[in-house]
Amino acid sequence: MFIDSHAHLDDKRYAEDFAEVCQRIHENKISKVINVGYNLESSQRSLELANCYEWIQCAVGYHPHDAKTANQAGYEQLRLWANNPQVVAIGEIGLDYYYDNSPREVQQEVFRHQIRIARDVNLPIIIHNRDAHQDVYDILVEEQAHEVGGIMHCYSGSYEMAKQIINLGFFISFAGPVTFKNSKTAKDIIRNIPLEYILIETDSPYLTPEPYRGKRNEPAYVRYVAEVIAQLRDLDVEHVAKITSDNCLKALPKLRL
């Protein structure tokens, strides 16, 4: 059984065939999907999904793109949601210097504030990092994020940074891009970091793996990420499914199978 540690099933692209998507999830032995919020509205939708489907749990938070919409009332709402047994993490939070949809100083402050919330409510964090590797790491250290740990989602950094992140007690999650022919760096990282720190995800509906690249992604495709990891580590895919699921349970202690 696989765990998709990061998806967005509340996206409108699933509106017309959600039942069929759910059926493919079960057919492909996906035992749990973590539906991850990116602002208050998507966090609310994620929690509603988790309340409707026993195989979904969720994370709540402000994505760096939406950091400019964060306010004190929103932070208080995150704290309230954190008490819900369906909420397993604060996320996705972090920095995105590629698009800069929110000013960088705003992204940084909102990231810091949400780490503090996570520490207060004792929940791990799910981190978005794009082209902001050093600032993400520095903020994690300065805000003592190691106290709650969590997941570096859709990892795109270097091997050296992966080692630093693991030393802080965080897990590294890989998504569809590891199936691409040009993903040499990610493949090298998978070969060399401890298997006990690797997770798998889809980031559905984004980052669709081969052989469906270019189409809408969905959690059923997380097995293609697992298959690449199995090939790189010379393991059976069933073993990768088990150890990445075990890792996810360690990364997100409120997760229930």
C-alpha atoms as a PDB file:
ATOM      1  CA  MET A   1       0.000   0.000   0.000  1.00  0.00           C
ATOM      2  CA  PHE A   2       1.269   3.465  -0.963  1.00  0.00           C
ATOM      3  CA  ILE A   3       0.830   6.830   0.744  1.00  0.00           C
ATOM      4  CA  ASP A   4       0.626   9.935  -1.430  1.00  0.00           C
ATOM      5  CA  SER A   5       2.134  12.420   0.993  1.00  0.00           C
ATOM      6  CA  HIS A   6       1.087  15.521  -0.969  1.00  0.00           C
ATOM      7  CA  ALA A   7      -1.910  16.153  -3.239  1.00  0.00           C
ATOM      8  CA  HIS A   8      -4.562  18.775  -3.975  1.00  0.00           C
ATOM      9  CA  LEU A   9      -7.725  16.794  -4.668  1.00  0.00           C
ATOM     10  CA  ASP A  10      -9.832  19.866  -3.891  1.00  0.00           C
ATOM     11  CA  ASP A  11      -8.642  21.366  -7.184  1.00  0.00           C
ATOM     12  CA  LYS A  12     -11.439  22.172  -9.639  1.00  0.00           C
ATOM     13  CA  ARG A  13      -9.790  19.933 -12.246  1.00  0.00           C
ATOM     14  CA  TYR A  14     -11.258  16.941 -10.404  1.00  0.00           C
ATOM     15  CA  ALA A  15     -14.803  18.288 -10.326  1.00  0.00           C
ATOM     16  CA  GLU A  16     -16.136  16.271 -13.247  1.00  0.00           C
ATOM     17  CA  ASP A  17     -14.651  12.834 -12.505  1.00  0.00           C
ATOM     18  CA  PHE A  18     -13.827  12.772  -8.801  1.00  0.00           C
ATOM     19  CA  ALA A  19     -15.506   9.390  -8.290  1.00  0.00           C
ATOM     20  CA  GLU A  20     -13.373   7.832 -11.024  1.00  0.00           C
ATOM     21  CA  VAL A  21     -10.219   9.376  -9.538  1.00  0.00           C
ATOM     22  CA  CYS A  22     -11.137   7.835  -6.170  1.00  0.00           C
ATOM     23  CA  GLN A  23     -11.705   4.458  -7.804  1.00  0.00           C
ATOM     24  CA  ARG A  24      -8.247   4.527  -9.402  1.00  0.00           C
ATOM     25  CA  ILE A  25      -6.740   5.452  -6.027  1.00  0.00           C
ATOM     26  CA  HIS A  26      -8.178   2.276  -4.510  1.00  0.00           C
ATOM     27  CA  GLU A  27      -7.318   0.111  -7.519  1.00  0.00           C
ATOM     28  CA  ASN A  28      -3.680   1.200  -7.261  1.00  0.00           C
ATOM     29  CA  LYS A  29      -3.460   0.432  -3.535  1.00  0.00           C
ATOM     30  CA  ILE A  30      -3.141   3.978  -2.245  1.00  0.00           C
ATOM     31  CA  SER A  31      -3.984   3.673   1.445  1.00  0.00           C
ATOM     32  CA  LYS A  32      -3.825   7.370   2.326  1.00  0.00           C
ATOM     33  CA  VAL A  33      -3.681  10.749   0.594  1.00  0.00           C
ATOM     34  CA  ILE A  34      -2.546  13.899   2.398  1.00  0.00           C
ATOM     35  CA  ASN A  35      -4.535  16.782   0.923  1.00  0.00           C
ATOM     36  CA  VAL A  36      -2.512  19.944   1.443  1.00  0.00           C
ATOM     37  CA  GLY A  37      -3.934  23.451   1.748  1.00  0.00           C
ATOM     38  CA  TYR A  38      -2.321  26.546   0.286  1.00  0.00           C
ATOM     39  CA  ASN A  39      -4.569  29.282   1.720  1.00  0.00           C
ATOM     40  CA  LEU A  40      -7.581  29.473   4.029  1.00  0.00           C
ATOM     41  CA  GLU A  41     -10.076  28.477   1.353  1.00  0.00           C
ATOM     42  CA  SER A  42      -8.143  25.444   0.134  1.00  0.00           C
ATOM     43  CA  SER A  43      -7.351  24.449   3.713  1.00  0.00           C
ATOM     44  CA  GLN A  44     -11.072  24.487   4.495  1.00  0.00           C
ATOM     45  CA  ARG A  45     -11.775  22.370   1.408  1.00  0.00           C
ATOM     46  CA  SER A  46      -9.001  19.965   2.403  1.00  0.00           C
ATOM     47  CA  LEU A  47     -10.505  19.508   5.850  1.00  0.00           C
ATOM     48  CA  GLU A  48     -13.951  18.923   4.327  1.00  0.00           C
ATOM     49  CA  LEU A  49     -12.508  16.187   2.115  1.00  0.00           C
ATOM     50  CA  ALA A  50     -10.765  14.610   5.104  1.00  0.00           C
ATOM     51  CA  ASN A  51     -14.048  14.591   7.004  1.00  0.00           C
ATOM     52  CA  CYS A  52     -15.786  12.848   4.083  1.00  0.00           C
ATOM     53  CA  TYR A  53     -13.213  10.210   3.142  1.00  0.00           C
ATOM     54  CA  GLU A  54     -11.425   8.018   5.678  1.00  0.00           C
ATOM     55  CA  TRP A  55      -8.412   7.620   3.381  1.00  0.00           C
ATOM     56  CA  ILE A  56      -7.776  11.387   3.273  1.00  0.00           C
ATOM     57  CA  GLN A  57      -6.151  13.510   5.965  1.00  0.00           C
ATOM     58  CA  CYS A  58      -4.969  17.055   5.463  1.00  0.00           C
ATOM     59  CA  ALA A  59      -2.607  19.931   6.143  1.00  0.00           C
ATOM     60  CA  VAL A  60      -3.574  23.580   6.555  1.00  0.00           C
ATOM     61  CA  GLY A  61      -1.520  26.670   5.845  1.00  0.00           C
ATOM     62  CA  TYR A  62      -0.507  29.567   3.618  1.00  0.00           C
ATOM     63  CA  HIS A  63       1.611  28.732   0.543  1.00  0.00           C
ATOM     64  CA  PRO A  64       4.254  31.374  -0.233  1.00  0.00           C
ATOM     65  CA  HIS A  65       2.229  32.405  -3.286  1.00  0.00           C
ATOM     66  CA  ASP A  66      -0.629  33.295  -0.916  1.00  0.00           C
ATOM     67  CA  ALA A  67       1.523  34.742   1.866  1.00  0.00           C
ATOM     68  CA  LYS A  68       0.310  38.224   0.977  1.00  0.00           C
ATOM     69  CA  THR A  69      -3.218  37.206   2.048  1.00  0.00           C
ATOM     70  CA  ALA A  70      -2.176  36.025   5.529  1.00  0.00           C
ATOM     71  CA  ASN A  71      -3.474  37.944   8.552  1.00  0.00           C
ATOM     72  CA  GLN A  72      -3.993  37.474  12.268  1.00  0.00           C
ATOM     73  CA  ALA A  73      -7.497  36.081  11.862  1.00  0.00           C
ATOM     74  CA  GLY A  74      -6.140  33.512   9.418  1.00  0.00           C
ATOM     75  CA  TYR A  75      -3.398  32.497  11.823  1.00  0.00           C
ATOM     76  CA  GLU A  76      -5.978  31.976  14.556  1.00  0.00           C
ATOM     77  CA  GLN A  77      -8.018  29.817  12.194  1.00  0.00           C
ATOM     78  CA  LEU A  78      -4.970  27.634  11.551  1.00  0.00           C
ATOM     79  CA  ARG A  79      -4.581  27.188  15.295  1.00  0.00           C
ATOM     80  CA  LEU A  80      -8.215  26.121  15.621  1.00  0.00           C
ATOM     81  CA  TRP A  81      -7.943  23.653  12.745  1.00  0.00           C
ATOM     82  CA  ALA A  82      -4.794  22.187  14.269  1.00  0.00           C
ATOM     83  CA  ASN A  83      -6.930  20.653  17.031  1.00  0.00           C
ATOM     84  CA  ASN A  84      -8.891  18.607  14.492  1.00  0.00           C
ATOM     85  CA  PRO A  85      -7.731  14.961  14.357  1.00  0.00           C
ATOM     86  CA  GLN A  86      -7.832  15.091  10.553  1.00  0.00           C
ATOM     87  CA  VAL A  87      -5.162  17.819  10.409  1.00  0.00           C
ATOM     88  CA  VAL A  88      -1.716  16.220  10.414  1.00  0.00           C
ATOM     89  CA  ALA A  89       0.539  19.178   9.538  1.00  0.00           C
ATOM     90  CA  ILE A  90       0.861  22.912   8.938  1.00  0.00           C
ATOM     91  CA  GLY A  91       1.453  23.277   5.228  1.00  0.00           C
ATOM     92  CA  GLU A  92       2.259  23.898   2.657  1.00  0.00           C
ATOM     93  CA  ILE A  93       4.451  26.721   3.851  1.00  0.00           C
ATOM     94  CA  GLY A  94       7.805  28.059   2.744  1.00  0.00           C
ATOM     95  CA  LEU A  95       9.424  30.262   0.126  1.00  0.00           C
ATOM     96  CA  ASP A  96       9.094  30.546  -3.656  1.00  0.00           C
ATOM     97  CA  TYR A  97      11.617  32.877  -5.307  1.00  0.00           C
ATOM     98  CA  TYR A  98      10.855  31.587  -8.815  1.00  0.00           C
ATOM     99  CA  TYR A  99       7.444  33.220  -9.198  1.00  0.00           C
ATOM    100  CA  ASP A 100       7.634  35.797  -6.373  1.00  0.00           C
ATOM    101  CA  ASN A 101       3.828  35.988  -6.254  1.00  0.00           C
ATOM    102  CA  SER A 102       4.212  37.482  -2.790  1.00  0.00           C
ATOM    103  CA  PRO A 103       7.048  39.846  -1.823  1.00  0.00           C
ATOM    104  CA  ARG A 104      10.001  37.924  -0.459  1.00  0.00           C
ATOM    105  CA  GLU A 105      10.021  39.702   2.887  1.00  0.00           C
ATOM    106  CA  VAL A 106       6.317  38.859   3.279  1.00  0.00           C
ATOM    107  CA  GLN A 107       6.968  35.222   2.363  1.00  0.00           C
ATOM    108  CA  GLN A 108       9.701  35.028   4.968  1.00  0.00           C
ATOM    109  CA  GLU A 109       7.610  36.548   7.757  1.00  0.00           C
ATOM    110  CA  VAL A 110       4.605  34.330   7.017  1.00  0.00           C
ATOM    111  CA  PHE A 111       6.864  31.270   6.861  1.00  0.00           C
ATOM    112  CA  ARG A 112       8.353  32.154  10.244  1.00  0.00           C
ATOM    113  CA  HIS A 113       4.945  32.811  11.777  1.00  0.00           C
ATOM    114  CA  GLN A 114       3.576  29.467  10.631  1.00  0.00           C
ATOM    115  CA  ILE A 115       6.601  27.594  11.987  1.00  0.00           C
ATOM    116  CA  ARG A 116       5.891  29.248  15.336  1.00  0.00           C
ATOM    117  CA  ILE A 117       2.261  28.144  15.123  1.00  0.00           C
ATOM    118  CA  ALA A 118       3.382  24.594  14.299  1.00  0.00           C
ATOM    119  CA  ARG A 119       5.652  24.567  17.342  1.00  0.00           C
ATOM    120  CA  ASP A 120       2.873  25.924  19.556  1.00  0.00           C
ATOM    121  CA  VAL A 121       0.370  23.262  18.415  1.00  0.00           C
ATOM    122  CA  ASN A 122       3.011  20.508  18.103  1.00  0.00           C
ATOM    123  CA  LEU A 123       2.415  19.684  14.446  1.00  0.00           C
ATOM    124  CA  PRO A 124       5.052  18.978  11.774  1.00  0.00           C
ATOM    125  CA  ILE A 125       5.357  21.258   8.761  1.00  0.00           C
ATOM    126  CA  ILE A 126       5.191  20.587   5.021  1.00  0.00           C
ATOM    127  CA  ILE A 127       7.659  22.844   3.222  1.00  0.00           C
ATOM    128  CA  HIS A 128       7.492  24.354  -0.267  1.00  0.00           C
ATOM    129  CA  ASN A 129      10.905  25.499  -1.488  1.00  0.00           C
ATOM    130  CA  ARG A 130      11.636  26.822  -4.952  1.00  0.00           C
ATOM    131  CA  ASP A 131      14.879  28.669  -5.707  1.00  0.00           C
ATOM    132  CA  ALA A 132      15.149  29.713  -2.044  1.00  0.00           C
ATOM    133  CA  HIS A 133      17.269  26.928  -0.609  1.00  0.00           C
ATOM    134  CA  GLN A 134      19.561  28.876   1.715  1.00  0.00           C
ATOM    135  CA  ASP A 135      16.838  31.152   3.084  1.00  0.00           C
ATOM    136  CA  VAL A 136      14.554  28.169   3.739  1.00  0.00           C
ATOM    137  CA  TYR A 137      17.307  26.361   5.607  1.00  0.00           C
ATOM    138  CA  ASP A 138      18.315  29.445   7.612  1.00  0.00           C
ATOM    139  CA  ILE A 139      14.718  30.099   8.681  1.00  0.00           C
ATOM    140  CA  LEU A 140      14.217  26.462   9.684  1.00  0.00           C
ATOM    141  CA  VAL A 141      17.299  26.699  11.904  1.00  0.00           C
ATOM    142  CA  GLU A 142      16.512  30.138  13.331  1.00  0.00           C
ATOM    143  CA  GLU A 143      12.894  29.204  14.130  1.00  0.00           C
ATOM    144  CA  GLN A 144      13.932  25.852  15.654  1.00  0.00           C
ATOM    145  CA  ALA A 145      11.723  23.923  13.256  1.00  0.00           C
ATOM    146  CA  HIS A 146      13.564  20.731  14.191  1.00  0.00           C
ATOM    147  CA  GLU A 147      11.363  20.619  17.295  1.00  0.00           C
ATOM    148  CA  VAL A 148       8.406  19.545  15.133  1.00  0.00           C
ATOM    149  CA  GLY A 149      10.118  18.246  11.971  1.00  0.00           C
ATOM    150  CA  GLY A 150       8.165  17.508   8.838  1.00  0.00           C
ATOM    151  CA  ILE A 151       8.553  17.083   5.101  1.00  0.00           C
ATOM    152  CA  MET A 152      10.488  18.901   2.388  1.00  0.00           C
ATOM    153  CA  HIS A 153       7.928  18.455  -0.377  1.00  0.00           C
ATOM    154  CA  CYS A 154       8.861  17.836  -4.021  1.00  0.00           C
ATOM    155  CA  TYR A 155      12.561  18.132  -3.332  1.00  0.00           C
ATOM    156  CA  SER A 156      14.549  20.084  -5.918  1.00  0.00           C
ATOM    157  CA  GLY A 157      17.710  21.064  -4.081  1.00  0.00           C
ATOM    158  CA  SER A 158      21.233  19.690  -3.977  1.00  0.00           C
ATOM    159  CA  TYR A 159      22.579  16.575  -2.306  1.00  0.00           C
ATOM    160  CA  GLU A 160      24.441  18.760   0.187  1.00  0.00           C
ATOM    161  CA  MET A 161      21.233  20.531   1.207  1.00  0.00           C
ATOM    162  CA  ALA A 162      19.376  17.212   1.422  1.00  0.00           C
ATOM    163  CA  LYS A 163      21.934  16.078   3.996  1.00  0.00           C
ATOM    164  CA  GLN A 164      21.439  19.302   5.956  1.00  0.00           C
ATOM    165  CA  ILE A 165      17.655  18.905   5.902  1.00  0.00           C
ATOM    166  CA  ILE A 166      17.891  15.289   7.058  1.00  0.00           C
ATOM    167  CA  ASN A 167      20.250  16.342   9.860  1.00  0.00           C
ATOM    168  CA  LEU A 168      17.483  18.674  11.063  1.00  0.00           C
ATOM    169  CA  GLY A 169      15.186  15.663  11.279  1.00  0.00           C
ATOM    170  CA  PHE A 170      13.135  16.337   8.162  1.00  0.00           C
ATOM    171  CA  PHE A 171      12.039  13.855   5.515  1.00  0.00           C
ATOM    172  CA  ILE A 172      12.605  14.365   1.769  1.00  0.00           C
ATOM    173  CA  SER A 173       9.673  13.772  -0.587  1.00  0.00           C
ATOM    174  CA  PHE A 174       9.988  13.087  -4.308  1.00  0.00           C
ATOM    175  CA  ALA A 175       7.334  13.560  -6.981  1.00  0.00           C
ATOM    176  CA  GLY A 176       6.787  12.986 -10.708  1.00  0.00           C
ATOM    177  CA  PRO A 177       9.897  14.845 -11.936  1.00  0.00           C
ATOM    178  CA  VAL A 178      12.108  11.951 -10.757  1.00  0.00           C
ATOM    179  CA  THR A 179      10.595   9.920 -13.607  1.00  0.00           C
ATOM    180  CA  PHE A 180      11.849  12.392 -16.229  1.00  0.00           C
ATOM    181  CA  LYS A 181      14.933  11.489 -18.267  1.00  0.00           C
ATOM    182  CA  ASN A 182      16.747  14.715 -17.315  1.00  0.00           C
ATOM    183  CA  SER A 183      16.295  14.313 -13.532  1.00  0.00           C
ATOM    184  CA  LYS A 184      19.910  13.335 -12.906  1.00  0.00           C
ATOM    185  CA  THR A 185      20.370  15.321  -9.678  1.00  0.00           C
ATOM    186  CA  ALA A 186      17.238  13.952  -8.026  1.00  0.00           C
ATOM    187  CA  LYS A 187      18.146  10.410  -9.036  1.00  0.00           C
ATOM    188  CA  ASP A 188      21.643  10.811  -7.595  1.00  0.00           C
ATOM    189  CA  ILE A 189      20.142  12.059  -4.316  1.00  0.00           C
ATOM    190  CA  ILE A 190      17.758   9.094  -4.150  1.00  0.00           C
ATOM    191  CA  ARG A 191      20.696   6.721  -4.640  1.00  0.00           C
ATOM    192  CA  ASN A 192      22.690   8.271  -1.823  1.00  0.00           C
ATOM    193  CA  ILE A 193      20.465   9.487   1.014  1.00  0.00           C
ATOM    194  CA  PRO A 194      19.190   7.014   3.635  1.00  0.00           C
ATOM    195  CA  LEU A 195      16.041   5.259   2.461  1.00  0.00           C
ATOM    196  CA  GLU A 196      14.587   5.899   5.927  1.00  0.00           C
ATOM    197  CA  TYR A 197      14.149   9.586   5.029  1.00  0.00           C
ATOM    198  CA  ILE A 198      12.466   9.225   1.617  1.00  0.00           C
ATOM    199  CA  LEU A 199       8.761   9.856   0.961  1.00  0.00           C
ATOM    200  CA  ILE A 200       6.734   9.763  -2.254  1.00  0.00           C
ATOM    201  CA  GLU A 201       4.042  12.125  -3.517  1.00  0.00           C
ATOM    202  CA  THR A 202       2.258  13.326  -6.631  1.00  0.00           C
ATOM    203  CA  ASP A 203       1.490  17.015  -5.925  1.00  0.00           C
ATOM    204  CA  SER A 204      -1.648  16.286  -7.967  1.00  0.00           C
ATOM    205  CA  PRO A 205      -2.866  17.795 -10.231  1.00  0.00           C
ATOM    206  CA  TYR A 206       0.668  19.059 -10.976  1.00  0.00           C
ATOM    207  CA  LEU A 207       3.999  17.391 -11.852  1.00  0.00           C
ATOM    208  CA  THR A 208       2.573  14.403 -13.686  1.00  0.00           C
ATOM    209  CA  PRO A 209       5.085  11.559 -14.022  1.00  0.00           C
ATOM    210  CA  GLU A 210       5.986   9.597 -17.107  1.00  0.00           C
ATOM    211  CA  PRO A 211       4.177   8.012 -18.915  1.00  0.00           C
ATOM    212  CA  TYR A 212       1.366  10.570 -18.395  1.00  0.00           C
ATOM    213  CA  ARG A 213       3.482  13.725 -18.510  1.00  0.00           C
ATOM    214  CA  GLY A 214       1.505  16.648 -19.902  1.00  0.00           C
ATOM    215  CA  LYS A 215      -1.802  15.395 -18.535  1.00  0.00           C
ATOM    216  CA  ARG A 216      -3.511  16.025 -15.217  1.00  0.00           C
ATOM    217  CA  ASN A 217      -1.827  14.210 -12.358  1.00  0.00           C
ATOM    218  CA  GLU A 218      -3.670  12.124  -9.741  1.00  0.00           C
ATOM    219  CA  PRO A 219      -2.688  10.096  -6.642  1.00  0.00           C
ATOM    220  CA  ALA A 220      -2.929   6.753  -8.463  1.00  0.00           C
ATOM    221  CA  TYR A 221       0.249   7.753 -10.309  1.00  0.00           C
ATOM    222  CA  VAL A 222       2.366   7.835  -7.128  1.00  0.00           C
ATOM    223  CA  ARG A 223       3.370   4.244  -7.907  1.00  0.00           C
ATOM    224  CA  TYR A 224       5.474   5.529 -10.839  1.00  0.00           C
ATOM    225  CA  VAL A 225       7.582   7.549  -8.391  1.00  0.00           C
ATOM    226  CA  ALA A 226       7.953   4.454  -6.208  1.00  0.00           C
ATOM    227  CA  GLU A 227       8.997   2.375  -9.212  1.00  0.00           C
ATOM    228  CA  VAL A 228      11.844   4.773 -10.048  1.00  0.00           C
ATOM    229  CA  ILE A 229      13.071   4.689  -6.450  1.00  0.00           C
ATOM    230  CA  ALA A 230      12.892   0.889  -6.504  1.00  0.00           C
ATOM    231  CA  GLN A 231      14.992   0.767  -9.678  1.00  0.00           C
ATOM    232  CA  LEU A 232      17.571   3.210  -8.327  1.00  0.00           C
ATOM    233  CA  ARG A 233      17.951   1.325  -5.045  1.00  0.00           C
ATOM    234  CA  ASP A 234      17.650  -2.181  -6.537  1.00  0.00           C
ATOM    235  CA  LEU A 235      14.564  -2.981  -4.454  1.00  0.00           C
ATOM    236  CA  ASP A 236      11.120  -4.424  -5.025  1.00  0.00           C
ATOM    237  CA  VAL A 237       8.471  -1.724  -5.429  1.00  0.00           C
ATOM    238  CA  GLU A 238       6.534  -3.389  -2.594  1.00  0.00           C
ATOM    239  CA  HIS A 239       9.469  -2.728  -0.272  1.00  0.00           C
ATOM    240  CA  VAL A 240       9.588   0.912  -1.352  1.00  0.00           C
ATOM    241  CA  ALA A 241       5.838   1.189  -0.731  1.00  0.00           C
ATOM    242  CA  LYS A 242       6.245  -0.168   2.781  1.00  0.00           C
ATOM    243  CA  ILE A 243       9.251   1.855   3.843  1.00  0.00           C
ATOM    244  CA  THR A 244       7.956   5.147   2.409  1.00  0.00           C
ATOM    245  CA  SER A 245       4.634   4.531   4.155  1.00  0.00           C
ATOM    246  CA  ASP A 246       6.442   3.799   7.411  1.00  0.00           C
ATOM    247  CA  ASN A 247       8.476   6.971   6.911  1.00  0.00           C
ATOM    248  CA  CYS A 248       5.316   9.003   6.351  1.00  0.00           C
ATOM    249  CA  LEU A 249       3.876   7.728   9.616  1.00  0.00           C
ATOM    250  CA  LYS A 250       7.032   8.905  11.365  1.00  0.00           C
ATOM    251  CA  ALA A 251       6.979  12.293   9.628  1.00  0.00           C
ATOM    252  CA  LEU A 252       3.282  12.870  10.402  1.00  0.00           C
ATOM    253  CA  PRO A 253       2.511  11.291  13.792  1.00  0.00           C
ATOM    254  CA  LYS A 254      -1.231  12.087  13.606  1.00  0.00           C
ATOM    255  CA  LEU A 255      -1.555  10.042  10.429  1.00  0.00           C
ATOM    256  CA  ARG A 256      -3.877   7.052  10.750  1.00  0.00           C
ATOM    257  CA  LEU A 257      -3.968   4.043   8.446  1.00  0.00           C
END
